[in-house]
Amino acid sequence: MKKLAIFILVSVTSIALHAAGPKIKLKSGSLSALSGVKEVGLVFDYSNMRVGKMNESAYLEDRTAKYNAKEPGKGDQWAK
């Protein structure tokens, strides 16, 4: 009975480890420039991000004005 329990534990563990392996597929190019690199820094730049056709400050002004028109003070609270 003890051997069966150990066999099941080892089987489940090996299946779990195999399933959790990397699933990255390279579609084009080469990763040779990254050989030996252990860590990569990634930065997201949202400086040119738009909401519809407006930039962030125009969107905030517009939305704040609309909320304040419905209920005074609500837009200012939302903007904070």
PDB file of N, CA and C in Angstrom:
ATOM      1  N   MET A   1       0.818  -1.182   0.000  1.00  0.00           N
ATOM      2  CA  MET A   1       0.000   0.000   0.000  1.00  0.00           C
ATOM      3  C   MET A   1       0.873   1.261   0.000  1.00  0.00           C
ATOM      4  N   LYS A   2       1.976   1.210   0.758  1.00  0.00           N
ATOM      5  CA  LYS A   2       2.865   2.356   0.846  1.00  0.00           C
ATOM      6  C   LYS A   2       3.539   2.617  -0.504  1.00  0.00           C
ATOM      7  N   LYS A   3       3.889   1.538  -1.220  1.00  0.00           N
ATOM      8  CA  LYS A   3       4.528   1.687  -2.531  1.00  0.00           C
ATOM      9  C   LYS A   3       3.558   2.312  -3.532  1.00  0.00           C
ATOM     10  N   LEU A   4       2.302   1.947  -3.451  1.00  0.00           N
ATOM     11  CA  LEU A   4       1.297   2.495  -4.343  1.00  0.00           C
ATOM     12  C   LEU A   4       1.116   3.996  -4.085  1.00  0.00           C
ATOM     13  N   ALA A   5       1.088   4.393  -2.831  1.00  0.00           N
ATOM     14  CA  ALA A   5       0.936   5.803  -2.483  1.00  0.00           C
ATOM     15  C   ALA A   5       2.130   6.613  -2.984  1.00  0.00           C
ATOM     16  N   ILE A   6       3.330   6.069  -2.835  1.00  0.00           N
ATOM     17  CA  ILE A   6       4.532   6.759  -3.323  1.00  0.00           C
ATOM     18  C   ILE A   6       4.509   6.851  -4.842  1.00  0.00           C
ATOM     19  N   PHE A   7       4.098   5.780  -5.508  1.00  0.00           N
ATOM     20  CA  PHE A   7       4.018   5.771  -6.969  1.00  0.00           C
ATOM     21  C   PHE A   7       3.030   6.841  -7.461  1.00  0.00           C
ATOM     22  N   ILE A   8       1.879   6.930  -6.822  1.00  0.00           N
ATOM     23  CA  ILE A   8       0.867   7.922  -7.210  1.00  0.00           C
ATOM     24  C   ILE A   8       1.393   9.339  -6.963  1.00  0.00           C
ATOM     25  N   LEU A   9       2.050   9.549  -5.838  1.00  0.00           N
ATOM     26  CA  LEU A   9       2.603  10.865  -5.517  1.00  0.00           C
ATOM     27  C   LEU A   9       3.651  11.284  -6.542  1.00  0.00           C
ATOM     28  N   VAL A  10       4.539  10.384  -6.892  1.00  0.00           N
ATOM     29  CA  VAL A  10       5.583  10.677  -7.882  1.00  0.00           C
ATOM     30  C   VAL A  10       4.960  10.939  -9.252  1.00  0.00           C
ATOM     31  N   SER A  11       3.959  10.151  -9.613  1.00  0.00           N
ATOM     32  CA  SER A  11       3.296  10.334 -10.906  1.00  0.00           C
ATOM     33  C   SER A  11       2.600  11.687 -10.991  1.00  0.00           C
ATOM     34  N   VAL A  12       1.848  12.025  -9.968  1.00  0.00           N
ATOM     35  CA  VAL A  12       1.133  13.300  -9.959  1.00  0.00           C
ATOM     36  C   VAL A  12       2.122  14.474  -9.985  1.00  0.00           C
ATOM     37  N   THR A  13       3.193  14.361  -9.229  1.00  0.00           N
ATOM     38  CA  THR A  13       4.200  15.414  -9.193  1.00  0.00           C
ATOM     39  C   THR A  13       4.853  15.600 -10.553  1.00  0.00           C
ATOM     40  N   SER A  14       5.234  14.500 -11.194  1.00  0.00           N
ATOM     41  CA  SER A  14       5.891  14.615 -12.492  1.00  0.00           C
ATOM     42  C   SER A  14       4.949  15.164 -13.555  1.00  0.00           C
ATOM     43  N   ILE A  15       3.682  14.794 -13.500  1.00  0.00           N
ATOM     44  CA  ILE A  15       2.704  15.330 -14.449  1.00  0.00           C
ATOM     45  C   ILE A  15       2.519  16.826 -14.224  1.00  0.00           C
ATOM     46  N   ALA A  16       2.435  17.233 -12.983  1.00  0.00           N
ATOM     47  CA  ALA A  16       2.256  18.653 -12.664  1.00  0.00           C
ATOM     48  C   ALA A  16       3.461  19.471 -13.109  1.00  0.00           C
ATOM     49  N   LEU A  17       4.649  18.963 -12.883  1.00  0.00           N
ATOM     50  CA  LEU A  17       5.850  19.689 -13.296  1.00  0.00           C
ATOM     51  C   LEU A  17       5.955  19.776 -14.813  1.00  0.00           C
ATOM     52  N   HIS A  18       5.587  18.711 -15.491  1.00  0.00           N
ATOM     53  CA  HIS A  18       5.630  18.721 -16.948  1.00  0.00           C
ATOM     54  C   HIS A  18       4.600  19.700 -17.511  1.00  0.00           C
ATOM     55  N   ALA A  19       3.434  19.770 -16.932  1.00  0.00           N
ATOM     56  CA  ALA A  19       2.365  20.646 -17.405  1.00  0.00           C
ATOM     57  C   ALA A  19       2.690  22.110 -17.145  1.00  0.00           C
ATOM     58  N   ALA A  20       3.477  22.407 -16.113  1.00  0.00           N
ATOM     59  CA  ALA A  20       3.797  23.781 -15.759  1.00  0.00           C
ATOM     60  C   ALA A  20       4.997  24.315 -16.513  1.00  0.00           C
ATOM     61  N   GLY A  21       5.568  23.538 -17.399  1.00  0.00           N
ATOM     62  CA  GLY A  21       6.746  23.968 -18.153  1.00  0.00           C
ATOM     63  C   GLY A  21       6.446  25.113 -19.095  1.00  0.00           C
ATOM     64  N   PRO A  22       7.497  25.744 -19.627  1.00  0.00           N
ATOM     65  CA  PRO A  22       7.293  26.887 -20.525  1.00  0.00           C
ATOM     66  C   PRO A  22       6.565  26.474 -21.797  1.00  0.00           C
ATOM     67  N   LYS A  23       5.624  27.318 -22.198  1.00  0.00           N
ATOM     68  CA  LYS A  23       4.844  27.055 -23.401  1.00  0.00           C
ATOM     69  C   LYS A  23       4.997  28.217 -24.362  1.00  0.00           C
ATOM     70  N   ILE A  24       6.228  28.590 -24.637  1.00  0.00           N
ATOM     71  CA  ILE A  24       6.529  29.704 -25.520  1.00  0.00           C
ATOM     72  C   ILE A  24       6.882  29.144 -26.893  1.00  0.00           C
ATOM     73  N   LYS A  25       6.235  29.703 -27.921  1.00  0.00           N
ATOM     74  CA  LYS A  25       6.529  29.284 -29.283  1.00  0.00           C
ATOM     75  C   LYS A  25       7.091  30.476 -30.034  1.00  0.00           C
ATOM     76  N   LEU A  26       8.270  30.319 -30.595  1.00  0.00           N
ATOM     77  CA  LEU A  26       8.922  31.364 -31.355  1.00  0.00           C
ATOM     78  C   LEU A  26       8.368  31.351 -32.773  1.00  0.00           C
ATOM     79  N   LYS A  27       7.743  32.458 -33.186  1.00  0.00           N
ATOM     80  CA  LYS A  27       7.134  32.513 -34.509  1.00  0.00           C
ATOM     81  C   LYS A  27       8.120  32.989 -35.567  1.00  0.00           C
ATOM     82  N   SER A  28       9.026  33.868 -35.191  1.00  0.00           N
ATOM     83  CA  SER A  28      10.036  34.319 -36.142  1.00  0.00           C
ATOM     84  C   SER A  28      11.204  34.908 -35.373  1.00  0.00           C
ATOM     85  N   GLY A  29      12.327  35.084 -36.047  1.00  0.00           N
ATOM     86  CA  GLY A  29      13.503  35.675 -35.430  1.00  0.00           C
ATOM     87  C   GLY A  29      14.319  34.657 -34.661  1.00  0.00           C
ATOM     88  N   SER A  30      15.190  35.190 -33.819  1.00  0.00           N
ATOM     89  CA  SER A  30      16.095  34.339 -33.060  1.00  0.00           C
ATOM     90  C   SER A  30      16.264  34.900 -31.657  1.00  0.00           C
ATOM     91  N   LEU A  31      16.420  34.020 -30.707  1.00  0.00           N
ATOM     92  CA  LEU A  31      16.647  34.430 -29.323  1.00  0.00           C
ATOM     93  C   LEU A  31      18.122  34.347 -28.941  1.00  0.00           C
ATOM     94  N   SER A  32      18.999  34.233 -29.931  1.00  0.00           N
ATOM     95  CA  SER A  32      20.415  34.066 -29.647  1.00  0.00           C
ATOM     96  C   SER A  32      20.993  35.287 -28.928  1.00  0.00           C
ATOM     97  N   ALA A  33      20.436  36.476 -29.132  1.00  0.00           N
ATOM     98  CA  ALA A  33      20.924  37.676 -28.449  1.00  0.00           C
ATOM     99  C   ALA A  33      20.652  37.611 -26.949  1.00  0.00           C
ATOM    100  N   LEU A  34      19.738  36.767 -26.541  1.00  0.00           N
ATOM    101  CA  LEU A  34      19.401  36.650 -25.125  1.00  0.00           C
ATOM    102  C   LEU A  34      20.105  35.489 -24.437  1.00  0.00           C
ATOM    103  N   SER A  35      20.968  34.807 -25.145  1.00  0.00           N
ATOM    104  CA  SER A  35      21.645  33.668 -24.509  1.00  0.00           C
ATOM    105  C   SER A  35      22.512  34.171 -23.363  1.00  0.00           C
ATOM    106  N   GLY A  36      22.377  33.553 -22.238  1.00  0.00           N
ATOM    107  CA  GLY A  36      23.141  33.939 -21.056  1.00  0.00           C
ATOM    108  C   GLY A  36      22.486  35.040 -20.242  1.00  0.00           C
ATOM    109  N   VAL A  37      21.431  35.640 -20.743  1.00  0.00           N
ATOM    110  CA  VAL A  37      20.739  36.697 -20.006  1.00  0.00           C
ATOM    111  C   VAL A  37      19.757  36.041 -19.049  1.00  0.00           C
ATOM    112  N   LYS A  38      19.852  36.419 -17.774  1.00  0.00           N
ATOM    113  CA  LYS A  38      18.988  35.804 -16.776  1.00  0.00           C
ATOM    114  C   LYS A  38      17.803  36.697 -16.429  1.00  0.00           C
ATOM    115  N   GLU A  39      17.900  37.982 -16.731  1.00  0.00           N
ATOM    116  CA  GLU A  39      16.842  38.909 -16.355  1.00  0.00           C
ATOM    117  C   GLU A  39      16.703  39.962 -17.447  1.00  0.00           C
ATOM    118  N   VAL A  40      15.462  40.305 -17.785  1.00  0.00           N
ATOM    119  CA  VAL A  40      15.195  41.302 -18.806  1.00  0.00           C
ATOM    120  C   VAL A  40      14.297  42.371 -18.207  1.00  0.00           C
ATOM    121  N   GLY A  41      14.680  43.625 -18.367  1.00  0.00           N
ATOM    122  CA  GLY A  41      13.861  44.730 -17.874  1.00  0.00           C
ATOM    123  C   GLY A  41      12.835  45.110 -18.931  1.00  0.00           C
ATOM    124  N   LEU A  42      11.596  45.298 -18.531  1.00  0.00           N
ATOM    125  CA  LEU A  42      10.527  45.635 -19.442  1.00  0.00           C
ATOM    126  C   LEU A  42       9.823  46.879 -18.927  1.00  0.00           C
ATOM    127  N   VAL A  43       9.696  47.895 -19.772  1.00  0.00           N
ATOM    128  CA  VAL A  43       9.080  49.151 -19.376  1.00  0.00           C
ATOM    129  C   VAL A  43       7.899  49.423 -20.300  1.00  0.00           C
ATOM    130  N   PHE A  44       6.742  49.716 -19.725  1.00  0.00           N
ATOM    131  CA  PHE A  44       5.563  50.092 -20.485  1.00  0.00           C
ATOM    132  C   PHE A  44       5.466  51.611 -20.479  1.00  0.00           C
ATOM    133  N   ASP A  45       5.376  52.216 -21.651  1.00  0.00           N
ATOM    134  CA  ASP A  45       5.306  53.660 -21.786  1.00  0.00           C
ATOM    135  C   ASP A  45       3.906  54.047 -22.251  1.00  0.00           C
ATOM    136  N   TYR A  46       3.158  54.720 -21.395  1.00  0.00           N
ATOM    137  CA  TYR A  46       1.796  55.114 -21.710  1.00  0.00           C
ATOM    138  C   TYR A  46       1.706  56.612 -22.025  1.00  0.00           C
ATOM    139  N   SER A  47       2.814  57.250 -22.383  1.00  0.00           N
ATOM    140  CA  SER A  47       2.814  58.696 -22.575  1.00  0.00           C
ATOM    141  C   SER A  47       1.957  59.136 -23.764  1.00  0.00           C
ATOM    142  N   ASN A  48       1.804  58.321 -24.771  1.00  0.00           N
ATOM    143  CA  ASN A  48       0.989  58.692 -25.937  1.00  0.00           C
ATOM    144  C   ASN A  48      -0.371  58.003 -25.947  1.00  0.00           C
ATOM    145  N   MET A  49      -0.781  57.506 -24.811  1.00  0.00           N
ATOM    146  CA  MET A  49      -2.051  56.794 -24.722  1.00  0.00           C
ATOM    147  C   MET A  49      -3.223  57.764 -24.854  1.00  0.00           C
ATOM    148  N   ARG A  50      -4.256  57.321 -25.499  1.00  0.00           N
ATOM    149  CA  ARG A  50      -5.439  58.150 -25.728  1.00  0.00           C
ATOM    150  C   ARG A  50      -6.690  57.439 -25.229  1.00  0.00           C
ATOM    151  N   VAL A  51      -7.684  58.243 -24.858  1.00  0.00           N
ATOM    152  CA  VAL A  51      -8.997  57.730 -24.508  1.00  0.00           C
ATOM    153  C   VAL A  51      -9.918  58.253 -25.598  1.00  0.00           C
ATOM    154  N   GLY A  52     -10.265  57.394 -26.532  1.00  0.00           N
ATOM    155  CA  GLY A  52     -10.989  57.858 -27.712  1.00  0.00           C
ATOM    156  C   GLY A  52     -10.055  58.708 -28.549  1.00  0.00           C
ATOM    157  N   LYS A  53     -10.431  59.963 -28.778  1.00  0.00           N
ATOM    158  CA  LYS A  53      -9.578  60.885 -29.530  1.00  0.00           C
ATOM    159  C   LYS A  53      -8.925  61.914 -28.621  1.00  0.00           C
ATOM    160  N   MET A  54      -9.094  61.773 -27.306  1.00  0.00           N
ATOM    161  CA  MET A  54      -8.580  62.744 -26.345  1.00  0.00           C
ATOM    162  C   MET A  54      -7.375  62.203 -25.602  1.00  0.00           C
ATOM    163  N   ASN A  55      -6.473  63.115 -25.213  1.00  0.00           N
ATOM    164  CA  ASN A  55      -5.384  62.707 -24.328  1.00  0.00           C
ATOM    165  C   ASN A  55      -5.917  62.670 -22.897  1.00  0.00           C
ATOM    166  N   GLU A  56      -5.086  62.299 -21.971  1.00  0.00           N
ATOM    167  CA  GLU A  56      -5.545  62.084 -20.593  1.00  0.00           C
ATOM    168  C   GLU A  56      -6.105  63.356 -19.959  1.00  0.00           C
ATOM    169  N   SER A  57      -5.418  64.467 -20.094  1.00  0.00           N
ATOM    170  CA  SER A  57      -5.888  65.696 -19.429  1.00  0.00           C
ATOM    171  C   SER A  57      -7.212  66.184 -20.015  1.00  0.00           C
ATOM    172  N   ALA A  58      -7.375  66.099 -21.335  1.00  0.00           N
ATOM    173  CA  ALA A  58      -8.644  66.507 -21.949  1.00  0.00           C
ATOM    174  C   ALA A  58      -9.774  65.589 -21.504  1.00  0.00           C
ATOM    175  N   TYR A  59      -9.502  64.297 -21.406  1.00  0.00           N
ATOM    176  CA  TYR A  59     -10.515  63.348 -20.949  1.00  0.00           C
ATOM    177  C   TYR A  59     -10.933  63.636 -19.512  1.00  0.00           C
ATOM    178  N   LEU A  60      -9.949  63.889 -18.646  1.00  0.00           N
ATOM    179  CA  LEU A  60     -10.266  64.173 -17.241  1.00  0.00           C
ATOM    180  C   LEU A  60     -11.108  65.442 -17.110  1.00  0.00           C
ATOM    181  N   GLU A  61     -10.762  66.486 -17.861  1.00  0.00           N
ATOM    182  CA  GLU A  61     -11.539  67.728 -17.810  1.00  0.00           C
ATOM    183  C   GLU A  61     -12.973  67.496 -18.291  1.00  0.00           C
ATOM    184  N   ASP A  62     -13.113  66.788 -19.406  1.00  0.00           N
ATOM    185  CA  ASP A  62     -14.429  66.522 -19.973  1.00  0.00           C
ATOM    186  C   ASP A  62     -15.287  65.689 -19.023  1.00  0.00           C
ATOM    187  N   ARG A  63     -14.719  64.633 -18.498  1.00  0.00           N
ATOM    188  CA  ARG A  63     -15.465  63.733 -17.614  1.00  0.00           C
ATOM    189  C   ARG A  63     -15.834  64.428 -16.309  1.00  0.00           C
ATOM    190  N   THR A  64     -14.904  65.207 -15.768  1.00  0.00           N
ATOM    191  CA  THR A  64     -15.167  65.944 -14.535  1.00  0.00           C
ATOM    192  C   THR A  64     -16.321  66.930 -14.739  1.00  0.00           C
ATOM    193  N   ALA A  65     -16.314  67.630 -15.859  1.00  0.00           N
ATOM    194  CA  ALA A  65     -17.382  68.593 -16.151  1.00  0.00           C
ATOM    195  C   ALA A  65     -18.730  67.884 -16.293  1.00  0.00           C
ATOM    196  N   LYS A  66     -18.752  66.739 -16.953  1.00  0.00           N
ATOM    197  CA  LYS A  66     -20.011  65.995 -17.125  1.00  0.00           C
ATOM    198  C   LYS A  66     -20.563  65.505 -15.785  1.00  0.00           C
ATOM    199  N   TYR A  67     -19.678  64.970 -14.931  1.00  0.00           N
ATOM    200  CA  TYR A  67     -20.131  64.503 -13.615  1.00  0.00           C
ATOM    201  C   TYR A  67     -20.611  65.670 -12.755  1.00  0.00           C
ATOM    202  N   ASN A  68     -19.897  66.812 -12.821  1.00  0.00           N
ATOM    203  CA  ASN A  68     -20.306  67.977 -12.027  1.00  0.00           C
ATOM    204  C   ASN A  68     -21.630  68.544 -12.521  1.00  0.00           C
ATOM    205  N   ALA A  69     -21.930  68.408 -13.822  1.00  0.00           N
ATOM    206  CA  ALA A  69     -23.199  68.885 -14.362  1.00  0.00           C
ATOM    207  C   ALA A  69     -24.357  68.051 -13.822  1.00  0.00           C
ATOM    208  N   LYS A  70     -24.125  66.758 -13.647  1.00  0.00           N
ATOM    209  CA  LYS A  70     -25.178  65.884 -13.120  1.00  0.00           C
ATOM    210  C   LYS A  70     -25.383  66.103 -11.628  1.00  0.00           C
ATOM    211  N   GLU A  71     -24.269  66.157 -10.918  1.00  0.00           N
ATOM    212  CA  GLU A  71     -24.322  66.300  -9.454  1.00  0.00           C
ATOM    213  C   GLU A  71     -23.104  67.104  -9.011  1.00  0.00           C
ATOM    214  N   PRO A  72     -23.304  68.328  -8.514  1.00  0.00           N
ATOM    215  CA  PRO A  72     -22.165  69.177  -8.134  1.00  0.00           C
ATOM    216  C   PRO A  72     -21.215  68.480  -7.147  1.00  0.00           C
ATOM    217  N   GLY A  73     -19.928  68.548  -7.463  1.00  0.00           N
ATOM    218  CA  GLY A  73     -18.906  67.951  -6.597  1.00  0.00           C
ATOM    219  C   GLY A  73     -18.554  66.519  -6.938  1.00  0.00           C
ATOM    220  N   LYS A  74     -19.423  65.832  -7.656  1.00  0.00           N
ATOM    221  CA  LYS A  74     -19.168  64.434  -7.982  1.00  0.00           C
ATOM    222  C   LYS A  74     -17.973  64.302  -8.938  1.00  0.00           C
ATOM    223  N   GLY A  75     -17.867  65.212  -9.901  1.00  0.00           N
ATOM    224  CA  GLY A  75     -16.756  65.165 -10.861  1.00  0.00           C
ATOM    225  C   GLY A  75     -15.430  65.426 -10.197  1.00  0.00           C
ATOM    226  N   ASP A  76     -15.393  66.381  -9.263  1.00  0.00           N
ATOM    227  CA  ASP A  76     -14.150  66.687  -8.563  1.00  0.00           C
ATOM    228  C   ASP A  76     -13.704  65.498  -7.716  1.00  0.00           C
ATOM    229  N   GLN A  77     -14.665  64.839  -7.093  1.00  0.00           N
ATOM    230  CA  GLN A  77     -14.344  63.656  -6.286  1.00  0.00           C
ATOM    231  C   GLN A  77     -13.842  62.519  -7.189  1.00  0.00           C
ATOM    232  N   TRP A  78     -14.470  62.358  -8.342  1.00  0.00           N
ATOM    233  CA  TRP A  78     -14.053  61.315  -9.282  1.00  0.00           C
ATOM    234  C   TRP A  78     -12.633  61.584  -9.784  1.00  0.00           C
ATOM    235  N   ALA A  79     -12.306  62.830 -10.063  1.00  0.00           N
ATOM    236  CA  ALA A  79     -10.985  63.191 -10.593  1.00  0.00           C
ATOM    237  C   ALA A  79      -9.868  62.913  -9.592  1.00  0.00           C
ATOM    238  N   LYS A  80     -10.191  63.018  -8.311  1.00  0.00           N
ATOM    239  CA  LYS A  80      -9.174  62.732  -7.282  1.00  0.00           C
ATOM    240  C   LYS A  80      -8.863  61.271  -7.285  1.00  0.00           C
TER     241      LYS A  80
END
